[in-house]
Amino acid sequence: MFKTAKNLSDQIADHLIEQIICFKINPGDRVLEQKVAEELGVSRSPVREAFRILEKTGLVELVPRCGVRVTGFTERRIEAYCDIFALLFGHVVRR
């Protein structure tokens, strides 16, 4: 199901990002490590690493002893992302 060119954890993170962006997993929903591992036919270790990747992006939060929860998108967060994208785009254009 996954390409070998990318790290398995990155591929799982990409899959979960797609699920979150398309609202197949909604803000506030818990994402269960075991369920994701079973659905994708992978072990739990790369799923845990994928969760850490998503936490760094701000799409999920790791809640101690509760698992992973999808974060909500607030107007402030969207504005912050737009500001970052504008800066990156300006940098790319200058190069």
Protein backbone atom coordinates (compact mmCIF):
# COMPACT_ATOMS: atom_id res chain seq x y z
CA MET A 1 0.00 0.00 0.00
CA PHE A 2 2.88 2.43 0.76
CA LYS A 3 5.86 3.49 -1.32
CA THR A 4 9.30 2.37 -0.22
CA ALA A 5 10.99 5.64 -1.23
CA LYS A 6 9.70 7.43 1.87
CA ASN A 7 10.14 6.52 5.49
CA LEU A 8 7.14 4.46 6.68
CA SER A 9 6.40 6.92 9.49
CA ASP A 10 6.35 9.79 6.99
CA GLN A 11 3.96 7.87 4.75
CA ILE A 12 1.64 7.18 7.69
CA ALA A 13 1.82 10.84 8.70
CA ASP A 14 0.93 11.87 5.12
CA HIS A 15 -2.03 9.47 5.18
CA LEU A 16 -3.26 10.87 8.49
CA ILE A 17 -2.80 14.45 7.29
CA GLU A 18 -4.98 13.64 4.28
CA GLN A 19 -7.60 12.13 6.59
CA ILE A 20 -7.58 15.23 8.82
CA ILE A 21 -7.66 17.74 5.96
CA CYS A 22 -10.58 15.92 4.31
CA PHE A 23 -12.39 15.79 7.68
CA LYS A 24 -12.50 12.00 7.68
CA ILE A 25 -10.97 12.51 11.12
CA ASN A 26 -12.57 15.54 12.76
CA PRO A 27 -11.11 18.11 15.16
CA GLY A 28 -11.42 16.81 18.70
CA ASP A 29 -11.48 13.15 17.63
CA ARG A 30 -9.16 10.70 19.32
CA VAL A 31 -6.91 8.75 16.98
CA LEU A 32 -6.13 5.29 18.29
CA GLU A 33 -2.66 3.91 17.63
CA GLN A 34 -3.81 0.30 17.47
CA LYS A 35 -6.70 1.10 15.10
CA VAL A 36 -4.44 3.00 12.68
CA ALA A 37 -1.86 0.21 12.78
CA GLU A 38 -4.50 -2.42 12.01
CA GLU A 39 -6.12 -0.38 9.22
CA LEU A 40 -2.80 0.21 7.48
CA GLY A 41 -1.31 -3.21 8.19
CA VAL A 42 1.74 -1.84 9.99
CA SER A 43 3.20 -2.16 13.48
CA ARG A 44 2.48 0.40 16.16
CA SER A 45 6.01 1.87 16.26
CA PRO A 46 5.83 3.78 12.96
CA VAL A 47 2.33 4.96 13.90
CA ARG A 48 3.71 6.41 17.15
CA GLU A 49 6.46 8.17 15.17
CA ALA A 50 3.85 9.50 12.72
CA PHE A 51 1.92 10.92 15.68
CA ARG A 52 5.09 12.73 16.80
CA ILE A 53 5.50 14.17 13.29
CA LEU A 54 1.89 15.39 13.32
CA GLU A 55 2.34 16.88 16.77
CA LYS A 56 5.20 19.00 15.45
CA THR A 57 2.89 20.36 12.72
CA GLY A 58 0.22 21.18 15.28
CA LEU A 59 -2.40 18.92 13.71
CA VAL A 60 -2.63 16.66 16.76
CA GLU A 61 -1.80 16.85 20.41
CA LEU A 62 -0.40 13.99 22.43
CA VAL A 63 -2.37 13.75 25.65
CA PRO A 64 -0.56 11.81 28.40
CA ARG A 65 -2.32 8.52 29.20
CA CYS A 66 -5.14 9.43 26.79
CA GLY A 67 -3.57 9.08 23.36
CA VAL A 68 -3.75 11.46 20.43
CA ARG A 69 -6.41 14.06 19.73
CA VAL A 70 -6.87 16.08 16.53
CA THR A 71 -6.54 19.78 17.25
CA GLY A 72 -9.13 22.26 16.08
CA PHE A 73 -8.45 24.95 13.55
CA THR A 74 -9.03 28.39 14.96
CA GLU A 75 -9.09 31.60 12.97
CA ARG A 76 -5.90 32.67 14.74
CA ARG A 77 -4.09 29.45 13.75
CA ILE A 78 -5.18 29.79 10.12
CA GLU A 79 -3.96 33.40 10.06
CA ALA A 80 -0.60 32.28 11.50
CA TYR A 81 -0.25 29.63 8.78
CA CYS A 82 -1.10 32.23 6.12
CA ASP A 83 1.59 34.55 7.49
CA ILE A 84 4.14 31.74 7.41
CA PHE A 85 3.18 30.73 3.86
CA ALA A 86 3.43 34.36 2.72
CA LEU A 87 6.95 34.62 4.16
CA LEU A 88 7.99 31.33 2.57
CA PHE A 89 6.49 32.28 -0.77
CA GLY A 90 8.29 35.63 -0.70
CA HIS A 91 11.56 33.84 0.04
CA VAL A 92 11.03 31.40 -2.83
CA VAL A 93 10.23 34.22 -5.26
CA ARG A 94 13.38 36.12 -4.27
CA ARG A 95 15.53 33.04 -4.91
